[in-house]
Protein backbone atom coordinates (compact mmCIF):
# COMPACT_ATOMS: atom_id res chain seq x y z
CA MET A 1 57.00 95.18 28.82
CA THR A 2 55.35 92.00 29.82
CA ILE A 3 56.73 88.61 29.19
CA TYR A 4 53.73 88.41 26.29
CA ASP A 5 55.48 90.72 24.51
CA VAL A 6 58.64 89.17 24.68
CA SER A 7 57.40 86.22 23.65
CA GLU A 8 55.28 88.10 20.07
CA LYS A 9 58.77 90.06 19.06
CA ALA A 10 61.42 86.51 19.82
CA GLY A 11 57.95 85.04 17.75
CA VAL A 12 58.38 81.88 20.19
CA SER A 13 55.57 80.80 23.06
CA ILE A 14 55.11 82.70 26.30
CA ALA A 15 56.41 78.85 28.04
CA THR A 16 59.60 79.05 25.95
CA VAL A 17 60.51 82.64 26.99
CA SER A 18 60.01 80.94 30.73
CA ARG A 19 61.92 78.13 29.94
CA VAL A 20 64.96 80.60 28.76
CA LEU A 21 64.31 82.72 31.89
CA ASN A 22 64.59 79.87 34.11
CA GLY A 23 67.59 78.49 32.57
CA SER A 24 66.11 75.28 31.63
CA ASP A 25 67.79 72.90 28.86
CA ASN A 26 65.23 72.20 27.28
CA VAL A 27 65.56 75.04 24.42
CA SER A 28 67.52 75.10 21.40
CA ALA A 29 71.05 77.42 21.31
CA GLN A 30 69.24 79.47 18.48
CA THR A 31 66.19 80.33 20.22
CA ARG A 32 67.80 80.94 23.53
CA GLN A 33 70.03 83.67 21.51
CA LYS A 34 66.70 85.08 19.69
CA VAL A 35 64.94 85.76 23.15
CA LEU A 36 67.91 86.81 24.99
CA ALA A 37 68.42 88.93 22.15
CA VAL A 38 64.96 90.73 22.40
CA ILE A 39 65.23 91.10 26.67
CA LYS A 40 68.31 92.59 25.73
CA GLU A 41 67.01 94.97 23.07
CA TRP A 42 63.79 95.87 25.25
CA ASP A 43 65.96 96.01 28.61
CA TYR A 44 62.54 93.59 30.34
CA THR A 45 62.78 92.93 33.85
CA PRO A 46 60.87 89.93 34.89
CA ASN A 47 58.29 89.83 37.24
CA ALA A 48 59.82 88.69 40.44
CA PHE A 49 56.65 87.33 41.76
CA ALA A 50 55.89 84.99 38.57
CA ARG A 51 56.67 81.28 39.85
CA GLY A 52 57.14 80.32 35.95
CA LEU A 53 59.75 82.74 35.63
CA GLY A 54 61.97 80.26 38.38
CA LEU A 55 61.99 83.65 40.99
CA ASN A 56 60.21 84.22 43.96
CA SER A 57 56.32 83.55 44.14
CA MET A 58 53.48 84.83 45.90
CA ASN A 59 52.07 81.16 46.26
CA THR A 60 48.67 82.73 45.35
CA ILE A 61 45.91 81.78 43.27
CA GLY A 62 43.17 84.22 41.95
CA ILE A 63 40.00 82.47 41.81
CA LEU A 64 36.51 84.66 40.00
CA CYS A 65 33.34 83.38 40.23
CA ALA A 66 29.90 85.00 39.13
CA ASP A 67 27.74 83.99 41.84
CA SER A 68 29.30 81.93 45.10
CA SER A 69 25.37 81.07 45.49
CA ASP A 70 24.83 79.60 42.56
CA LEU A 71 25.54 75.50 43.56
CA TYR A 72 27.71 74.85 40.63
CA LEU A 73 30.16 77.42 40.66
CA ALA A 74 30.34 76.91 44.91
CA ASN A 75 31.09 73.36 44.16
CA ALA A 76 34.05 74.18 41.94
CA VAL A 77 35.15 76.70 44.21
CA TYR A 78 35.45 74.07 46.97
CA HIS A 79 37.11 71.42 45.42
CA ILE A 80 39.45 74.20 43.23
CA GLU A 81 40.19 75.72 46.45
CA GLN A 82 40.80 71.74 48.25
CA GLU A 83 43.16 70.80 45.32
CA LEU A 84 45.37 74.35 45.36
CA ARG A 85 45.72 73.91 49.13
CA GLU A 86 46.82 70.07 48.89
CA ASN A 87 49.25 71.46 46.48
CA THR A 88 50.62 74.25 49.15
CA TYR A 89 48.67 77.20 47.05
CA ASN A 90 46.55 79.90 48.84
CA CYS A 91 43.64 81.35 47.11
CA ILE A 92 41.91 84.78 46.90
CA LEU A 93 38.38 84.80 45.53
CA CYS A 94 36.45 87.23 43.90
CA CYS A 95 32.71 86.86 43.41
CA THR A 96 31.86 89.69 40.57
CA GLY A 97 28.81 89.15 39.59
CA TYR A 98 27.74 89.06 35.68
CA LYS A 99 28.08 92.59 34.56
CA LEU A 100 31.29 92.96 31.90
CA GLU A 101 32.98 95.94 33.72
CA ASP A 102 32.83 93.90 36.74
CA LYS A 103 34.11 90.93 35.75
CA ARG A 104 36.97 92.88 34.54
CA LYS A 105 37.47 95.14 37.40
CA TYR A 106 38.31 92.05 39.28
CA LEU A 107 40.35 90.31 37.20
CA ASN A 108 42.54 93.29 36.72
CA LEU A 109 42.75 93.88 40.44
CA LEU A 110 44.00 90.11 41.39
CA VAL A 111 46.62 90.51 38.22
CA THR A 112 47.58 93.89 39.96
CA LYS A 113 48.02 92.07 42.72
CA LYS A 114 50.68 89.73 41.75
CA VAL A 115 48.74 86.41 41.66
CA ASP A 116 50.40 83.55 40.21
CA SER A 117 47.23 83.30 37.97
CA VAL A 118 44.05 83.59 37.47
CA ILE A 119 40.66 80.62 37.51
CA LEU A 120 38.05 82.04 35.59
CA VAL A 121 35.38 79.50 37.36
CA GLY A 122 32.24 79.09 34.75
CA SER A 123 31.38 80.08 31.11
CA ASN A 124 30.25 83.18 31.78
CA PHE A 125 33.40 85.18 31.84
CA VAL A 126 33.45 84.32 27.71
CA VAL A 127 30.78 86.39 25.71
CA ASP A 128 30.14 86.22 22.37
CA LYS A 129 31.00 89.65 21.48
CA ASP A 130 34.83 89.32 20.88
CA SER A 131 36.37 92.40 21.49
CA ASP A 132 34.25 91.76 25.15
CA ASN A 133 36.46 89.50 26.14
CA ASP A 134 39.91 91.44 25.20
CA TYR A 135 39.94 91.81 29.30
CA ILE A 136 40.81 88.50 29.48
CA ARG A 137 43.58 88.80 26.75
CA GLU A 138 45.18 91.46 28.54
CA ALA A 139 45.30 89.10 31.48
CA ALA A 140 46.58 85.99 29.81
CA ARG A 141 49.79 88.56 29.08
CA GLU A 142 50.80 88.62 32.76
CA VAL A 143 49.74 85.40 33.82
CA PRO A 144 48.52 82.18 33.25
CA ILE A 145 44.69 82.24 32.88
CA LEU A 146 42.76 79.07 33.75
CA LEU A 147 39.01 78.53 31.84
CA LEU A 148 36.24 76.48 33.67
CA ASN A 149 34.12 75.26 31.50
CA ALA A 150 34.66 77.63 28.97
CA ASP A 151 36.05 77.61 25.40
CA PHE A 152 38.49 80.58 24.54
CA ASP A 153 41.54 80.32 22.40
CA CYS A 154 44.11 82.79 23.53
CA GLU A 155 48.25 82.13 23.96
CA ASN A 156 48.45 81.70 28.11
CA VAL A 157 44.77 80.63 28.38
CA TYR A 158 43.77 76.96 29.18
CA CYS A 159 40.39 75.23 29.27
CA SER A 160 38.73 72.26 30.95
CA MET A 161 35.41 71.75 30.01
CA CYS A 162 32.32 69.27 29.52
CA ASP A 163 30.75 68.36 26.10
CA ASP A 164 27.65 70.10 27.10
CA PHE A 165 26.58 70.13 23.64
CA LYS A 166 26.69 66.09 23.35
CA SER A 167 25.09 65.47 27.31
CA THR A 168 22.10 67.90 26.31
CA MET A 169 21.94 66.19 22.86
CA GLN A 170 22.31 62.88 24.63
CA ALA A 171 19.61 63.62 27.19
CA THR A 172 17.16 64.86 24.55
CA THR A 173 17.92 61.82 22.75
CA TYR A 174 16.64 59.71 25.60
CA ILE A 175 13.48 61.16 26.06
CA LEU A 176 13.02 60.35 22.71
CA ASP A 177 13.82 57.08 22.55
CA THR A 178 10.91 56.74 25.57
CA GLY A 179 8.58 57.72 22.38
CA ILE A 180 8.16 61.52 23.59
CA GLU A 181 8.36 63.98 20.81
CA ASP A 182 6.73 67.04 22.84
CA ILE A 183 9.97 68.40 24.96
CA LEU A 184 10.72 71.73 26.18
CA TYR A 185 13.66 72.88 26.87
CA PHE A 186 14.54 75.30 30.16
CA TYR A 187 17.07 77.27 30.54
CA ASN A 188 18.40 80.52 32.16
CA ALA A 189 21.51 82.23 31.30
CA LYS A 190 23.27 82.98 27.72
CA SER A 191 26.85 82.18 28.60
CA TYR A 192 28.94 79.79 26.33
CA SER A 193 27.78 76.80 27.97
CA ALA A 194 24.45 77.58 27.80
CA LEU A 195 24.17 78.18 24.30
CA ARG A 196 25.98 75.02 23.65
CA LYS A 197 23.51 72.95 25.88
CA LEU A 198 20.54 74.47 23.68
CA ALA A 199 21.83 73.55 20.67
CA GLY A 200 22.30 69.70 21.91
CA TYR A 201 18.64 70.03 22.35
CA GLN A 202 18.41 71.59 18.96
CA SER A 203 20.77 69.25 17.04
CA ALA A 204 18.58 66.06 18.68
CA LEU A 205 15.08 67.37 17.36
CA THR A 206 16.95 68.16 14.07
CA GLN A 207 18.94 64.26 13.83
CA ARG A 208 14.93 62.84 14.98
CA GLY A 209 13.76 64.99 11.83
CA LEU A 210 11.60 66.63 14.63
CA PRO A 211 10.41 70.88 14.02
CA LEU A 212 12.19 73.13 16.13
CA ARG A 213 9.71 75.55 17.76
CA MET A 214 10.82 78.35 19.45
CA ASN A 215 8.56 78.93 21.68
CA TYR A 216 9.29 75.09 23.09
CA MET A 217 12.74 76.65 23.80
CA GLN A 218 12.06 78.89 27.32
CA TYR A 219 14.26 80.98 28.90
CA PHE A 220 13.76 81.82 32.65
CA PRO A 221 15.07 85.42 33.37
CA GLY A 222 14.51 85.21 37.44
CA ASN A 223 16.55 84.01 39.90
CA HIS A 224 17.97 80.49 39.23
CA ALA A 225 17.35 79.87 43.38
CA ASN A 226 13.74 80.93 43.43
CA LEU A 227 12.03 77.44 42.21
CA SER A 228 8.50 78.52 43.41
CA ALA A 229 9.40 81.60 40.22
CA ILE A 230 10.24 79.01 38.30
CA ALA A 231 7.19 76.88 38.97
CA ASP A 232 4.70 79.57 38.27
CA PHE A 233 6.59 80.90 35.53
CA LEU A 234 5.75 77.23 33.69
CA SER A 235 2.18 77.82 35.53
CA ASP A 236 1.78 81.14 33.34
CA LEU A 237 3.33 79.58 30.00
CA ASP A 238 0.81 79.58 26.73
CA SER A 239 -1.72 76.73 26.99
CA SER A 240 -1.06 75.69 23.59
CA ILE A 241 2.29 75.09 24.18
CA LYS A 242 1.77 71.16 25.15
CA TYR A 243 4.64 69.12 26.33
CA ARG A 244 5.41 65.95 27.87
CA ALA A 245 8.95 66.43 28.88
CA VAL A 246 11.09 68.83 30.45
CA VAL A 247 14.90 68.84 29.40
CA ALA A 248 16.26 71.41 31.97
CA ALA A 249 19.80 73.19 31.79
CA ASP A 250 20.60 73.17 35.50
CA ASP A 251 18.92 71.22 38.56
CA ASN A 252 17.40 74.36 40.03
CA LEU A 253 15.03 74.50 36.66
CA ALA A 254 14.69 70.93 36.80
CA ILE A 255 13.10 70.69 40.48
CA GLY A 256 11.19 74.00 39.79
CA ALA A 257 9.55 71.99 37.05
CA ILE A 258 8.59 69.37 39.29
CA LYS A 259 7.11 71.67 41.37
CA PHE A 260 5.08 72.74 39.02
CA ALA A 261 4.18 69.21 38.27
CA HIS A 262 3.13 68.72 41.71
CA LYS A 263 1.07 71.56 41.50
CA LYS A 264 -0.35 70.57 38.40
CA GLY A 265 -1.46 67.17 39.72
CA LEU A 266 0.75 65.71 37.19
CA CYS A 267 2.51 62.41 37.97
CA VAL A 268 6.13 62.65 37.19
CA PRO A 269 6.93 60.61 35.11
CA GLU A 270 4.11 59.32 33.32
CA ASP A 271 2.43 62.50 33.09
CA LEU A 272 5.72 64.51 32.73
CA SER A 273 9.18 63.49 32.33
CA VAL A 274 12.13 66.07 33.41
CA ILE A 275 16.11 65.71 33.37
CA GLY A 276 18.58 68.40 35.06
CA TYR A 277 21.97 69.58 34.46
CA ASN A 278 24.48 68.89 37.10
CA ASN A 279 23.98 65.96 39.09
CA SER A 280 24.20 67.79 41.97
CA ILE A 281 22.80 67.54 45.70
CA LEU A 282 19.09 68.61 44.53
CA SER A 283 18.86 65.31 42.58
CA THR A 284 18.26 63.48 45.05
CA CYS A 285 16.58 66.03 47.54
CA CYS A 286 13.02 65.71 45.53
CA GLU A 287 10.34 62.88 45.10
CA PRO A 288 10.87 61.23 42.66
CA GLU A 289 14.45 61.72 42.67
CA LEU A 290 15.99 63.43 39.61
CA THR A 291 17.17 62.15 36.74
CA SER A 292 20.52 64.42 36.03
CA VAL A 293 23.76 64.74 33.39
CA ASP A 294 26.77 64.46 35.61
CA ASN A 295 28.87 67.12 33.95
CA ARG A 296 31.99 65.50 35.66
CA LEU A 297 32.82 68.85 38.00
CA GLU A 298 35.04 67.22 40.22
CA THR A 299 37.07 65.82 37.48
CA LEU A 300 37.10 69.22 35.94
CA CYS A 301 38.20 71.38 38.69
CA HIS A 302 40.79 68.05 39.20
CA HIS A 303 42.20 68.51 35.73
CA ILE A 304 42.78 72.51 36.04
CA VAL A 305 44.47 72.57 38.86
CA LYS A 306 46.60 69.59 37.48
CA THR A 307 47.17 71.39 34.36
CA LEU A 308 47.98 74.94 36.19
CA ILE A 309 50.64 72.97 38.28
CA GLY A 310 52.04 71.93 35.32
CA ILE A 311 52.24 75.46 33.82
CA LEU A 312 53.68 76.94 36.95
CA ASN A 313 56.43 74.17 36.69
CA ASN A 314 57.44 75.01 33.31
CA LYS A 315 55.90 72.08 31.80
CA GLU A 316 54.21 71.76 28.17
CA MET A 317 50.58 71.24 29.21
CA PRO A 318 47.52 70.77 26.74
CA GLN A 319 45.44 74.38 26.18
CA LYS A 320 42.14 72.77 25.85
CA VAL A 321 40.86 69.09 27.58
CA ILE A 322 36.99 68.20 26.65
CA PHE A 323 35.04 65.74 28.97
CA SER A 324 32.12 63.60 28.50
CA GLY A 325 29.40 64.21 30.81
CA GLU A 326 26.90 61.00 31.73
CA LEU A 327 23.34 60.71 32.35
CA ILE A 328 22.40 59.27 35.64
CA LYS A 329 18.83 58.38 35.21
CA ARG A 330 16.60 58.00 38.43
CA GLY A 331 12.98 58.39 39.28
CA THR A 332 12.22 61.31 36.80
CA THR A 333 11.96 59.58 33.47
CA LEU A 334 10.58 56.36 32.22
């Protein structure tokens, strides 16, 4: 039996069960008796490693990311690890890859290692097929689960994210305001975040009464780090796709688009405007420097650790917080 089961049978939240077990005064006498009755009836023994129950803690947080070579994910792990260290927590990092069975395996591994909580870095851990997210629900019965830049409604799961839909819509609208209507949307993932960005691009066009042309929404299936392959992909597109701007789902794709422009003898931004996403170090490593959406990564990481510390100290914390991105204008747009 887990703390989740106790909360379910008592009809209260996990946080309430935790407060009862921790001797907190912030619980009514009636609720306390209800919880204690369930514990007695089912002979529930609290996990001695769970900090949220006021007992001994491993003082260790598990971190899962799909790919540590990805600039966004690597920076997120760095900021989270730094924040946790400042709060005297150790970390165990697992790089899962993108296969569901591996994500499930590593999340279960961390839970069995009795970590205090697990942070899932990136939106690829949540998928469209709801039953494939059951591994997150199961883990949340044991420890708090925190999601960076993903949305998932489940008790004991907490989300901190950038509004990718609005940010991409605003970036696309910025291009439209320069008088350019033929805009290619370029993406390389089908995660929650990626699909929200795609929807933002589509919304910007729809609001201007422009058609949604599927061939102007191009998915790159290759390695995101292979900039030359990205440029070659654009070179090989059907010649009927005539566009004067690229809105890319990340900075790698945007840099690949700039390489494509140089290869074709196009001037950026006069012949081809380009907007990236993430405002990574890549945005200032090209010529001209890249206009990119700052998705507030450091702020997201700070908030997710703040939320985690609050949870582990039996405080009521919001389950979902959304931050707005900001378009950083540089030389690749008019």
